Amino acid sequence: MLKHRGFPGRLPGTDFQFVIRRANPKGITPIVARERFRDRKPADRRADAGFMKALWECFGDQPFERGNLDAGRLSWLFGREVIAVDDPFDPESYEALLVIDVDVARRSFPEAFGE
């Protein structure tokens, strides 16, 4: 499992984690597209925006390996702002390649891009 050095471990001042420390010995947590409803808590929205900002600052528009990025946090963005590069996509692989869909991400999280 690739560890993304320099990537923030969590949203500052909260317990929303962005990375995992080690591989899960019981099996890899799959990435699944989760529905974001309008009534989500403001803290959850800030976590999504903070995670998107960290992804953008670390990877930009280039493909990146899932590695030690938290599957739960990725799942909130997967299928919209973060999309699979590989076809077929293996949601249970630490080596799976992902990329930011910049147009969708800018519309969803303009604050993450300094807009």
C-alpha atoms as a PDB file:
ATOM      1  CA  MET A   1       0.000   0.000   0.000  1.00  0.00           C
ATOM      2  CA  LEU A   2       1.416   3.339  -1.115  1.00  0.00           C
ATOM      3  CA  LYS A   3       1.585   5.933   1.656  1.00  0.00           C
ATOM      4  CA  HIS A   4       1.037   9.453   0.360  1.00  0.00           C
ATOM      5  CA  ARG A   5       3.707  11.470   2.150  1.00  0.00           C
ATOM      6  CA  GLY A   6       2.732  15.063   2.845  1.00  0.00           C
ATOM      7  CA  PHE A   7      -0.996  14.365   2.579  1.00  0.00           C
ATOM      8  CA  PRO A   8      -2.848  15.646   5.683  1.00  0.00           C
ATOM      9  CA  GLY A   9      -3.937  12.897   8.055  1.00  0.00           C
ATOM     10  CA  ARG A  10      -7.201  14.574   8.975  1.00  0.00           C
ATOM     11  CA  LEU A  11      -9.189  17.790   8.737  1.00  0.00           C
ATOM     12  CA  PRO A  12      -7.482  20.192  11.176  1.00  0.00           C
ATOM     13  CA  GLY A  13      -9.354  20.572  14.452  1.00  0.00           C
ATOM     14  CA  THR A  14     -11.653  17.578  13.831  1.00  0.00           C
ATOM     15  CA  ASP A  15     -11.681  13.794  13.912  1.00  0.00           C
ATOM     16  CA  PHE A  16     -12.454  13.450  10.189  1.00  0.00           C
ATOM     17  CA  GLN A  17      -9.610  11.254   8.942  1.00  0.00           C
ATOM     18  CA  PHE A  18      -8.189  11.482   5.429  1.00  0.00           C
ATOM     19  CA  VAL A  19      -5.654   8.623   5.466  1.00  0.00           C
ATOM     20  CA  ILE A  20      -5.249   5.238   7.110  1.00  0.00           C
ATOM     21  CA  ARG A  21      -2.076   4.153   8.891  1.00  0.00           C
ATOM     22  CA  ARG A  22      -1.900   0.563   7.717  1.00  0.00           C
ATOM     23  CA  ALA A  23      -3.669  -1.922   5.486  1.00  0.00           C
ATOM     24  CA  ASN A  24      -6.751  -3.578   6.946  1.00  0.00           C
ATOM     25  CA  PRO A  25      -5.810  -7.183   7.869  1.00  0.00           C
ATOM     26  CA  LYS A  26      -9.471  -8.276   7.525  1.00  0.00           C
ATOM     27  CA  GLY A  27      -9.678  -7.098   3.921  1.00  0.00           C
ATOM     28  CA  ILE A  28      -9.605  -3.891   1.949  1.00  0.00           C
ATOM     29  CA  THR A  29     -12.545  -1.540   2.442  1.00  0.00           C
ATOM     30  CA  PRO A  30     -14.136  -1.016  -0.984  1.00  0.00           C
ATOM     31  CA  ILE A  31     -14.763   2.417  -2.465  1.00  0.00           C
ATOM     32  CA  VAL A  32     -18.452   2.879  -3.263  1.00  0.00           C
ATOM     33  CA  ALA A  33     -20.310   5.939  -4.527  1.00  0.00           C
ATOM     34  CA  ARG A  34     -22.251   7.424  -1.606  1.00  0.00           C
ATOM     35  CA  GLU A  35     -25.185   9.759  -2.081  1.00  0.00           C
ATOM     36  CA  ARG A  36     -24.675  13.234  -0.576  1.00  0.00           C
ATOM     37  CA  PHE A  37     -28.015  14.584   0.567  1.00  0.00           C
ATOM     38  CA  ARG A  38     -28.738  18.290   0.993  1.00  0.00           C
ATOM     39  CA  ASP A  39     -29.379  17.909   4.723  1.00  0.00           C
ATOM     40  CA  ARG A  40     -25.835  16.740   5.568  1.00  0.00           C
ATOM     41  CA  LYS A  41     -24.259  18.366   8.593  1.00  0.00           C
ATOM     42  CA  PRO A  42     -22.066  21.425   7.969  1.00  0.00           C
ATOM     43  CA  ALA A  43     -19.110  19.608   9.550  1.00  0.00           C
ATOM     44  CA  ASP A  44     -19.455  16.782   7.005  1.00  0.00           C
ATOM     45  CA  ARG A  45     -19.551  19.315   4.179  1.00  0.00           C
ATOM     46  CA  ARG A  46     -16.398  20.999   5.507  1.00  0.00           C
ATOM     47  CA  ALA A  47     -14.688  17.596   5.664  1.00  0.00           C
ATOM     48  CA  ASP A  48     -15.588  16.903   2.026  1.00  0.00           C
ATOM     49  CA  ALA A  49     -14.303  20.334   0.963  1.00  0.00           C
ATOM     50  CA  GLY A  50     -11.121  19.920   3.010  1.00  0.00           C
ATOM     51  CA  PHE A  51     -10.467  16.497   1.528  1.00  0.00           C
ATOM     52  CA  MET A  52     -11.025  17.806  -2.002  1.00  0.00           C
ATOM     53  CA  LYS A  53      -8.631  20.690  -1.321  1.00  0.00           C
ATOM     54  CA  ALA A  54      -5.990  18.245  -0.060  1.00  0.00           C
ATOM     55  CA  LEU A  55      -6.460  16.021  -3.128  1.00  0.00           C
ATOM     56  CA  TRP A  56      -6.141  19.015  -5.457  1.00  0.00           C
ATOM     57  CA  GLU A  57      -3.023  20.374  -3.716  1.00  0.00           C
ATOM     58  CA  CYS A  58      -1.353  16.964  -3.666  1.00  0.00           C
ATOM     59  CA  PHE A  59      -2.332  15.534  -7.075  1.00  0.00           C
ATOM     60  CA  GLY A  60      -3.873  18.273  -9.215  1.00  0.00           C
ATOM     61  CA  ASP A  61      -5.419  16.922 -12.398  1.00  0.00           C
ATOM     62  CA  GLN A  62      -3.040  13.947 -12.572  1.00  0.00           C
ATOM     63  CA  PRO A  63      -4.071  10.316 -11.873  1.00  0.00           C
ATOM     64  CA  PHE A  64      -3.191   9.065  -8.398  1.00  0.00           C
ATOM     65  CA  GLU A  65      -3.108   5.733  -6.630  1.00  0.00           C
ATOM     66  CA  ARG A  66      -5.640   5.093  -3.866  1.00  0.00           C
ATOM     67  CA  GLY A  67      -2.900   3.946  -1.501  1.00  0.00           C
ATOM     68  CA  ASN A  68      -3.561   4.931   2.097  1.00  0.00           C
ATOM     69  CA  LEU A  69      -6.374   7.394   1.335  1.00  0.00           C
ATOM     70  CA  ASP A  70      -9.435   6.703   3.489  1.00  0.00           C
ATOM     71  CA  ALA A  71     -12.060   4.694   1.573  1.00  0.00           C
ATOM     72  CA  GLY A  72     -14.932   6.243   3.506  1.00  0.00           C
ATOM     73  CA  ARG A  73     -13.850   9.784   2.686  1.00  0.00           C
ATOM     74  CA  LEU A  74     -13.161   8.868  -0.961  1.00  0.00           C
ATOM     75  CA  SER A  75     -16.604   7.276  -1.212  1.00  0.00           C
ATOM     76  CA  TRP A  76     -18.312  10.623  -0.556  1.00  0.00           C
ATOM     77  CA  LEU A  77     -16.613  12.011  -3.691  1.00  0.00           C
ATOM     78  CA  PHE A  78     -16.379   8.880  -5.842  1.00  0.00           C
ATOM     79  CA  GLY A  79     -18.359   8.821  -9.065  1.00  0.00           C
ATOM     80  CA  ARG A  80     -18.666  12.609  -9.170  1.00  0.00           C
ATOM     81  CA  GLU A  81     -15.603  14.657  -8.240  1.00  0.00           C
ATOM     82  CA  VAL A  82     -13.234  11.673  -8.129  1.00  0.00           C
ATOM     83  CA  ILE A  83     -13.515   9.093 -10.887  1.00  0.00           C
ATOM     84  CA  ALA A  84     -11.780   5.831 -11.751  1.00  0.00           C
ATOM     85  CA  VAL A  85      -9.018   5.755 -14.352  1.00  0.00           C
ATOM     86  CA  ASP A  86      -8.983   1.977 -14.706  1.00  0.00           C
ATOM     87  CA  ASP A  87     -11.630   0.082 -16.626  1.00  0.00           C
ATOM     88  CA  PRO A  88     -12.675  -2.216 -15.090  1.00  0.00           C
ATOM     89  CA  PHE A  89     -12.230  -0.500 -11.725  1.00  0.00           C
ATOM     90  CA  ASP A  90     -11.349  -2.629  -8.697  1.00  0.00           C
ATOM     91  CA  PRO A  91     -12.906  -0.893  -5.661  1.00  0.00           C
ATOM     92  CA  GLU A  92     -10.968  -3.174  -3.293  1.00  0.00           C
ATOM     93  CA  SER A  93      -7.464  -2.413  -4.562  1.00  0.00           C
ATOM     94  CA  TYR A  94      -4.942  -0.124  -2.905  1.00  0.00           C
ATOM     95  CA  GLU A  95      -3.314   0.205  -6.347  1.00  0.00           C
ATOM     96  CA  ALA A  96      -6.510   1.478  -8.056  1.00  0.00           C
ATOM     97  CA  LEU A  97      -5.941   4.662 -10.049  1.00  0.00           C
ATOM     98  CA  LEU A  98      -8.246   7.636  -9.540  1.00  0.00           C
ATOM     99  CA  VAL A  99      -8.360  11.158 -10.949  1.00  0.00           C
ATOM    100  CA  ILE A 100     -10.178  14.370 -10.063  1.00  0.00           C
ATOM    101  CA  ASP A 101     -12.882  15.416 -12.528  1.00  0.00           C
ATOM    102  CA  VAL A 102     -11.828  19.058 -12.353  1.00  0.00           C
ATOM    103  CA  ASP A 103     -14.963  20.594 -13.884  1.00  0.00           C
ATOM    104  CA  VAL A 104     -17.323  18.765 -11.532  1.00  0.00           C
ATOM    105  CA  ALA A 105     -15.068  19.357  -8.524  1.00  0.00           C
ATOM    106  CA  ARG A 106     -14.855  23.117  -9.206  1.00  0.00           C
ATOM    107  CA  ARG A 107     -18.659  23.336  -9.333  1.00  0.00           C
ATOM    108  CA  SER A 108     -19.094  21.268  -6.161  1.00  0.00           C
ATOM    109  CA  PHE A 109     -16.251  22.700  -4.080  1.00  0.00           C
ATOM    110  CA  PRO A 110     -15.177  26.123  -5.420  1.00  0.00           C
ATOM    111  CA  GLU A 111     -13.564  26.941  -2.041  1.00  0.00           C
ATOM    112  CA  ALA A 112     -11.149  24.010  -2.480  1.00  0.00           C
ATOM    113  CA  PHE A 113      -9.743  25.675  -5.583  1.00  0.00           C
ATOM    114  CA  GLY A 114      -9.470  29.159  -4.098  1.00  0.00           C
ATOM    115  CA  GLU A 115     -12.437  30.487  -6.076  1.00  0.00           C
END
